[in-house]
């Protein structure tokens, strides 16, 4: 989705990128659309200057504007906690591959974005190939 692929530029140079991809959370009650965040990247010399945070907040706002209620992420919880990410396990949400549960986090973009949502994340086929 081009609308969810954002670049950060400084002086005409790309210094960061974030991508949100369509996904779903499939459970006993059906399937709920969500987004998966990855990658978030910032050029090393620009790290620690707020570029990543601005990209995350801008991507979240764009996702809200498009009507999405949540974002799933396998990442560093200490970094993403500042944006409101919490453990997937708190919502009985899991990923279809082996990874530490500590790194599986989710964000409700709206007050009811995760209400009654539970199940397995179904990523885009391109995520699972290879």
N, C-alpha and C. Protein backbone atom coordinates (compact mmCIF):
# COMPACT_ATOMS: atom_id res chain seq x y z
N UNK A 1 0.85 -1.18 0.00
CA UNK A 1 0.00 0.00 0.00
C UNK A 1 0.90 1.24 0.00
N UNK A 2 0.99 1.93 -1.12
CA UNK A 2 1.84 3.13 -1.17
C UNK A 2 1.52 4.16 -0.08
N UNK A 3 0.27 4.26 0.32
CA UNK A 3 -0.12 5.26 1.33
C UNK A 3 0.50 4.95 2.70
N UNK A 4 0.97 3.72 2.89
CA UNK A 4 1.53 3.33 4.18
C UNK A 4 3.02 3.01 4.09
N UNK A 5 3.66 3.54 3.08
CA UNK A 5 5.11 3.47 2.93
C UNK A 5 5.60 4.91 2.97
N UNK A 6 6.24 5.30 4.07
CA UNK A 6 6.61 6.69 4.28
C UNK A 6 8.13 6.85 4.36
N UNK A 7 8.61 7.92 3.76
CA UNK A 7 10.03 8.27 3.82
C UNK A 7 10.23 9.52 4.66
N UNK A 8 11.35 9.57 5.36
CA UNK A 8 11.77 10.79 6.05
C UNK A 8 12.94 11.35 5.25
N UNK A 9 12.88 12.63 4.96
CA UNK A 9 13.94 13.29 4.19
C UNK A 9 14.49 14.47 4.97
N UNK A 10 15.78 14.67 4.86
CA UNK A 10 16.46 15.83 5.42
C UNK A 10 17.37 16.38 4.33
N UNK A 11 17.20 17.63 3.99
CA UNK A 11 18.03 18.28 2.97
C UNK A 11 18.06 17.47 1.67
N UNK A 12 16.89 16.93 1.27
CA UNK A 12 16.78 16.20 0.02
C UNK A 12 17.35 14.79 0.05
N UNK A 13 17.75 14.33 1.22
CA UNK A 13 18.32 12.99 1.37
C UNK A 13 17.39 12.12 2.20
N UNK A 14 17.14 10.90 1.76
CA UNK A 14 16.32 9.97 2.53
C UNK A 14 17.10 9.53 3.75
N UNK A 15 16.49 9.70 4.94
CA UNK A 15 17.16 9.32 6.19
C UNK A 15 16.38 8.26 6.97
N UNK A 16 15.18 7.91 6.48
CA UNK A 16 14.40 6.90 7.18
C UNK A 16 13.23 6.42 6.35
N UNK A 17 12.70 5.25 6.73
CA UNK A 17 11.57 4.65 6.02
C UNK A 17 10.77 3.79 6.99
N UNK A 18 9.47 3.77 6.79
CA UNK A 18 8.59 2.87 7.54
C UNK A 18 7.57 2.30 6.56
N UNK A 19 7.18 1.06 6.81
CA UNK A 19 6.19 0.39 5.97
C UNK A 19 5.18 -0.33 6.85
N UNK A 20 3.92 -0.12 6.57
CA UNK A 20 2.83 -0.90 7.17
C UNK A 20 2.20 -1.72 6.06
N UNK A 21 1.99 -3.00 6.33
CA UNK A 21 1.45 -3.94 5.35
C UNK A 21 0.13 -4.51 5.87
N UNK A 22 -0.80 -4.74 4.95
CA UNK A 22 -2.08 -5.36 5.36
C UNK A 22 -1.84 -6.75 5.94
N UNK A 23 -2.61 -7.05 6.96
CA UNK A 23 -2.61 -8.36 7.60
C UNK A 23 -4.00 -8.57 8.18
N UNK A 24 -4.18 -9.67 8.87
CA UNK A 24 -5.46 -9.95 9.53
C UNK A 24 -5.17 -10.73 10.81
N UNK A 25 -6.09 -10.64 11.73
CA UNK A 25 -6.05 -11.47 12.93
C UNK A 25 -7.25 -12.40 12.82
N UNK A 26 -6.97 -13.70 12.66
CA UNK A 26 -8.03 -14.69 12.45
C UNK A 26 -8.23 -15.50 13.71
N UNK A 27 -9.48 -15.50 14.18
CA UNK A 27 -9.82 -16.25 15.39
C UNK A 27 -11.15 -16.94 15.24
N UNK A 28 -11.63 -17.48 16.33
CA UNK A 28 -12.90 -18.22 16.33
C UNK A 28 -14.07 -17.35 15.89
N UNK A 29 -13.98 -16.05 16.13
CA UNK A 29 -15.08 -15.14 15.78
C UNK A 29 -14.95 -14.54 14.38
N UNK A 30 -13.92 -14.96 13.64
CA UNK A 30 -13.74 -14.43 12.29
C UNK A 30 -12.41 -13.73 12.14
N UNK A 31 -12.34 -12.89 11.13
CA UNK A 31 -11.11 -12.22 10.78
C UNK A 31 -11.26 -10.71 10.94
N UNK A 32 -10.24 -10.09 11.52
CA UNK A 32 -10.24 -8.64 11.72
C UNK A 32 -9.04 -8.06 10.99
N UNK A 33 -9.25 -7.07 10.12
CA UNK A 33 -8.11 -6.45 9.44
C UNK A 33 -7.18 -5.76 10.43
N UNK A 34 -5.90 -5.82 10.16
CA UNK A 34 -4.89 -5.13 10.94
C UNK A 34 -3.77 -4.74 9.99
N UNK A 35 -2.75 -4.13 10.52
CA UNK A 35 -1.56 -3.80 9.75
C UNK A 35 -0.35 -4.36 10.48
N UNK A 36 0.69 -4.71 9.71
CA UNK A 36 1.95 -5.17 10.29
C UNK A 36 3.01 -4.11 10.01
N UNK A 37 3.72 -3.71 11.04
CA UNK A 37 4.77 -2.72 10.90
C UNK A 37 6.11 -3.43 10.70
N UNK A 38 6.75 -3.14 9.61
CA UNK A 38 8.13 -3.58 9.33
C UNK A 38 8.40 -3.30 7.86
N UNK A 39 9.48 -2.74 7.56
CA UNK A 39 10.52 -2.31 8.48
C UNK A 39 10.33 -0.88 8.94
N UNK A 40 11.05 -0.55 9.97
CA UNK A 40 11.31 0.84 10.36
C UNK A 40 12.82 0.95 10.31
N UNK A 41 13.32 1.84 9.48
CA UNK A 41 14.77 1.98 9.38
C UNK A 41 15.14 3.45 9.33
N UNK A 42 16.26 3.75 9.97
CA UNK A 42 16.79 5.10 9.99
C UNK A 42 18.29 4.99 9.71
N UNK A 43 18.78 5.84 8.83
CA UNK A 43 20.20 5.88 8.51
C UNK A 43 20.98 6.07 9.83
N UNK A 44 22.04 5.28 10.05
CA UNK A 44 22.73 5.31 11.36
C UNK A 44 23.07 6.71 11.88
N UNK A 45 23.58 7.58 11.05
CA UNK A 45 23.95 8.90 11.56
C UNK A 45 22.76 9.78 11.92
N UNK A 46 21.56 9.34 11.57
CA UNK A 46 20.34 10.08 11.92
C UNK A 46 19.59 9.43 13.08
N UNK A 47 20.06 8.30 13.56
CA UNK A 47 19.41 7.65 14.70
C UNK A 47 19.60 8.49 15.95
N UNK A 48 18.60 8.45 16.82
CA UNK A 48 18.65 9.23 18.05
C UNK A 48 18.23 10.68 17.89
N UNK A 49 17.74 11.04 16.71
CA UNK A 49 17.32 12.42 16.44
C UNK A 49 15.81 12.55 16.27
N UNK A 50 15.07 11.49 16.57
CA UNK A 50 13.61 11.55 16.49
C UNK A 50 13.01 11.18 15.15
N UNK A 51 13.83 10.80 14.19
CA UNK A 51 13.33 10.44 12.86
C UNK A 51 12.40 9.24 12.94
N UNK A 52 12.83 8.18 13.64
CA UNK A 52 12.00 6.98 13.76
C UNK A 52 10.67 7.28 14.44
N UNK A 53 10.70 8.06 15.49
CA UNK A 53 9.47 8.42 16.19
C UNK A 53 8.51 9.18 15.32
N UNK A 54 9.03 10.12 14.55
CA UNK A 54 8.15 10.88 13.64
C UNK A 54 7.54 9.96 12.58
N UNK A 55 8.34 9.01 12.07
CA UNK A 55 7.81 8.06 11.08
C UNK A 55 6.72 7.19 11.69
N UNK A 56 6.96 6.69 12.90
CA UNK A 56 5.96 5.82 13.57
C UNK A 56 4.67 6.59 13.78
N UNK A 57 4.75 7.80 14.33
CA UNK A 57 3.53 8.58 14.59
C UNK A 57 2.80 8.92 13.30
N UNK A 58 3.53 9.27 12.26
CA UNK A 58 2.90 9.60 10.97
C UNK A 58 2.23 8.36 10.37
N UNK A 59 2.88 7.21 10.46
CA UNK A 59 2.29 5.98 9.93
C UNK A 59 1.04 5.60 10.71
N UNK A 60 1.07 5.76 12.03
CA UNK A 60 -0.11 5.47 12.85
C UNK A 60 -1.28 6.37 12.45
N UNK A 61 -1.01 7.65 12.26
CA UNK A 61 -2.07 8.57 11.89
C UNK A 61 -2.64 8.23 10.52
N UNK A 62 -1.78 7.92 9.59
CA UNK A 62 -2.24 7.54 8.25
C UNK A 62 -3.10 6.28 8.32
N UNK A 63 -2.68 5.30 9.15
CA UNK A 63 -3.45 4.06 9.30
C UNK A 63 -4.83 4.35 9.90
N UNK A 64 -4.88 5.23 10.92
CA UNK A 64 -6.18 5.63 11.51
C UNK A 64 -7.06 6.27 10.45
N UNK A 65 -6.47 7.17 9.68
CA UNK A 65 -7.23 7.87 8.64
C UNK A 65 -7.81 6.89 7.61
N UNK A 66 -7.13 5.77 7.40
CA UNK A 66 -7.60 4.75 6.46
C UNK A 66 -8.57 3.76 7.10
N UNK A 67 -8.84 3.95 8.40
CA UNK A 67 -9.84 3.12 9.07
C UNK A 67 -9.33 1.88 9.77
N UNK A 68 -8.02 1.74 9.93
CA UNK A 68 -7.49 0.57 10.62
C UNK A 68 -7.55 0.77 12.13
N UNK A 69 -7.76 -0.35 12.85
CA UNK A 69 -7.91 -0.28 14.29
C UNK A 69 -6.71 -0.74 15.08
N UNK A 70 -5.74 -1.40 14.40
CA UNK A 70 -4.60 -1.93 15.14
C UNK A 70 -3.39 -2.12 14.23
N UNK A 71 -2.24 -2.29 14.90
CA UNK A 71 -0.98 -2.59 14.23
C UNK A 71 -0.28 -3.68 15.03
N UNK A 72 0.21 -4.72 14.35
CA UNK A 72 0.99 -5.77 15.00
C UNK A 72 2.45 -5.58 14.62
N UNK A 73 3.32 -6.08 15.49
CA UNK A 73 4.74 -5.85 15.29
C UNK A 73 5.55 -6.89 16.04
N UNK A 74 6.57 -7.41 15.38
CA UNK A 74 7.58 -8.21 16.06
C UNK A 74 8.81 -7.32 16.10
N UNK A 75 9.14 -6.83 17.29
CA UNK A 75 10.20 -5.85 17.39
C UNK A 75 10.71 -5.71 18.81
N UNK A 76 11.36 -4.60 19.05
CA UNK A 76 11.99 -4.32 20.34
C UNK A 76 10.97 -3.60 21.22
N UNK A 77 10.40 -4.30 22.21
CA UNK A 77 9.33 -3.69 23.00
C UNK A 77 9.76 -2.43 23.74
N UNK A 78 11.00 -2.37 24.17
CA UNK A 78 11.45 -1.18 24.91
C UNK A 78 11.37 0.07 24.05
N UNK A 79 11.59 -0.05 22.77
CA UNK A 79 11.48 1.11 21.87
C UNK A 79 10.02 1.45 21.60
N UNK A 80 9.21 0.45 21.28
CA UNK A 80 7.84 0.70 20.82
C UNK A 80 6.85 0.97 21.94
N UNK A 81 7.20 0.66 23.17
CA UNK A 81 6.29 0.91 24.30
C UNK A 81 5.89 2.39 24.36
N UNK A 82 6.80 3.29 24.02
CA UNK A 82 6.53 4.74 24.08
C UNK A 82 5.39 5.15 23.15
N UNK A 83 5.08 4.30 22.15
CA UNK A 83 4.00 4.60 21.22
C UNK A 83 2.70 3.90 21.61
N UNK A 84 2.74 3.15 22.72
CA UNK A 84 1.53 2.48 23.20
C UNK A 84 1.45 0.99 22.90
N UNK A 85 2.48 0.41 22.31
CA UNK A 85 2.46 -1.03 22.01
C UNK A 85 2.50 -1.83 23.30
N UNK A 86 1.74 -2.92 23.30
CA UNK A 86 1.64 -3.82 24.45
C UNK A 86 1.80 -5.27 23.96
N UNK A 87 2.06 -6.21 24.87
CA UNK A 87 2.23 -7.60 24.45
C UNK A 87 0.99 -8.15 23.74
N UNK A 88 1.22 -8.87 22.65
CA UNK A 88 0.11 -9.54 21.96
C UNK A 88 -0.60 -10.51 22.89
N UNK A 89 0.17 -11.15 23.76
CA UNK A 89 -0.40 -12.15 24.67
C UNK A 89 -1.50 -11.56 25.54
N UNK A 90 -1.45 -10.26 25.82
CA UNK A 90 -2.50 -9.61 26.61
C UNK A 90 -3.85 -9.69 25.90
N UNK A 91 -3.84 -9.91 24.61
CA UNK A 91 -5.06 -9.96 23.81
C UNK A 91 -5.28 -11.33 23.19
N UNK A 92 -4.52 -12.33 23.61
CA UNK A 92 -4.59 -13.68 23.05
C UNK A 92 -4.37 -13.66 21.54
N UNK A 93 -3.38 -12.86 21.11
CA UNK A 93 -2.99 -12.78 19.71
C UNK A 93 -1.61 -13.42 19.60
N UNK A 94 -1.39 -14.20 18.54
CA UNK A 94 -0.12 -14.89 18.33
C UNK A 94 0.33 -14.73 16.89
N UNK A 95 1.59 -15.05 16.65
CA UNK A 95 2.14 -15.02 15.29
C UNK A 95 2.41 -16.46 14.84
N UNK A 96 2.42 -16.71 13.52
CA UNK A 96 2.54 -18.08 13.01
C UNK A 96 3.97 -18.57 12.84
N UNK A 97 4.89 -18.07 13.62
CA UNK A 97 6.28 -18.52 13.54
C UNK A 97 6.89 -18.44 14.94
N UNK A 98 8.03 -19.06 15.11
CA UNK A 98 8.66 -19.12 16.42
C UNK A 98 9.49 -17.86 16.66
N UNK A 99 9.11 -17.15 17.70
CA UNK A 99 9.81 -15.94 18.12
C UNK A 99 9.45 -15.70 19.58
N UNK A 100 10.31 -15.03 20.30
CA UNK A 100 10.03 -14.75 21.70
C UNK A 100 8.73 -13.96 21.85
N UNK A 101 7.88 -14.40 22.74
CA UNK A 101 6.61 -13.70 22.99
C UNK A 101 6.86 -12.26 23.42
N UNK A 102 7.98 -12.01 24.06
CA UNK A 102 8.34 -10.65 24.51
C UNK A 102 8.38 -9.67 23.35
N UNK A 103 8.76 -10.15 22.17
CA UNK A 103 8.92 -9.28 21.02
C UNK A 103 7.65 -9.15 20.17
N UNK A 104 6.60 -9.84 20.53
CA UNK A 104 5.33 -9.80 19.80
C UNK A 104 4.43 -8.78 20.47
N UNK A 105 4.25 -7.65 19.81
CA UNK A 105 3.52 -6.55 20.43
C UNK A 105 2.45 -6.03 19.46
N UNK A 106 1.49 -5.31 20.03
CA UNK A 106 0.35 -4.84 19.25
C UNK A 106 -0.09 -3.48 19.80
N UNK A 107 -0.66 -2.68 18.92
CA UNK A 107 -1.16 -1.36 19.29
C UNK A 107 -2.60 -1.20 18.81
N UNK A 108 -3.46 -0.76 19.69
CA UNK A 108 -4.82 -0.36 19.29
C UNK A 108 -4.73 1.09 18.81
N UNK A 109 -5.12 1.32 17.58
CA UNK A 109 -5.09 2.67 17.02
C UNK A 109 -6.30 3.49 17.42
N UNK A 110 -7.35 2.80 17.84
CA UNK A 110 -8.59 3.45 18.26
C UNK A 110 -8.98 2.84 19.62
N UNK A 111 -9.84 3.50 20.38
CA UNK A 111 -10.21 2.97 21.69
C UNK A 111 -10.74 1.54 21.66
N UNK A 112 -11.44 1.15 20.60
CA UNK A 112 -11.97 -0.21 20.52
C UNK A 112 -11.26 -1.06 19.47
N UNK A 113 -10.08 -0.64 19.07
CA UNK A 113 -9.35 -1.31 17.99
C UNK A 113 -9.01 -2.76 18.26
N UNK A 114 -8.95 -3.16 19.53
CA UNK A 114 -8.64 -4.55 19.87
C UNK A 114 -9.74 -5.20 20.69
N UNK A 115 -10.88 -4.56 20.82
CA UNK A 115 -11.99 -5.12 21.61
C UNK A 115 -12.45 -6.44 21.00
N UNK A 116 -12.35 -7.50 21.79
CA UNK A 116 -12.81 -8.82 21.35
C UNK A 116 -11.94 -9.46 20.28
N UNK A 117 -10.80 -8.87 19.98
CA UNK A 117 -9.92 -9.41 18.94
C UNK A 117 -8.96 -10.40 19.57
N UNK A 118 -8.91 -11.59 18.99
CA UNK A 118 -7.96 -12.61 19.42
C UNK A 118 -7.75 -13.57 18.26
N UNK A 119 -6.61 -14.24 18.25
CA UNK A 119 -6.35 -15.22 17.21
C UNK A 119 -4.93 -15.13 16.68
N UNK A 120 -4.75 -15.69 15.50
CA UNK A 120 -3.45 -15.79 14.85
C UNK A 120 -3.32 -14.70 13.80
N UNK A 121 -2.17 -14.03 13.79
CA UNK A 121 -1.91 -13.03 12.76
C UNK A 121 -1.68 -13.75 11.44
N UNK A 122 -2.37 -13.29 10.42
CA UNK A 122 -2.15 -13.80 9.07
C UNK A 122 -1.49 -12.68 8.27
N UNK A 123 -0.21 -12.87 8.01
CA UNK A 123 0.55 -11.87 7.26
C UNK A 123 0.31 -12.03 5.77
N UNK A 124 0.67 -11.01 5.02
CA UNK A 124 0.62 -11.08 3.56
C UNK A 124 1.51 -12.25 3.12
N UNK A 125 1.15 -12.93 2.04
CA UNK A 125 1.94 -14.09 1.59
C UNK A 125 3.42 -13.80 1.40
N UNK A 126 3.74 -12.60 0.98
CA UNK A 126 5.15 -12.23 0.76
C UNK A 126 5.96 -12.28 2.06
N UNK A 127 5.31 -12.04 3.19
CA UNK A 127 5.99 -12.12 4.48
C UNK A 127 6.42 -13.54 4.80
N UNK A 128 5.59 -14.48 4.39
CA UNK A 128 5.80 -15.86 4.81
C UNK A 128 6.63 -16.66 3.80
N UNK A 129 6.86 -16.14 2.62
CA UNK A 129 7.66 -16.84 1.62
C UNK A 129 9.14 -16.68 1.93
N UNK A 130 9.89 -17.69 1.59
CA UNK A 130 11.33 -17.55 1.61
C UNK A 130 12.03 -18.03 2.77
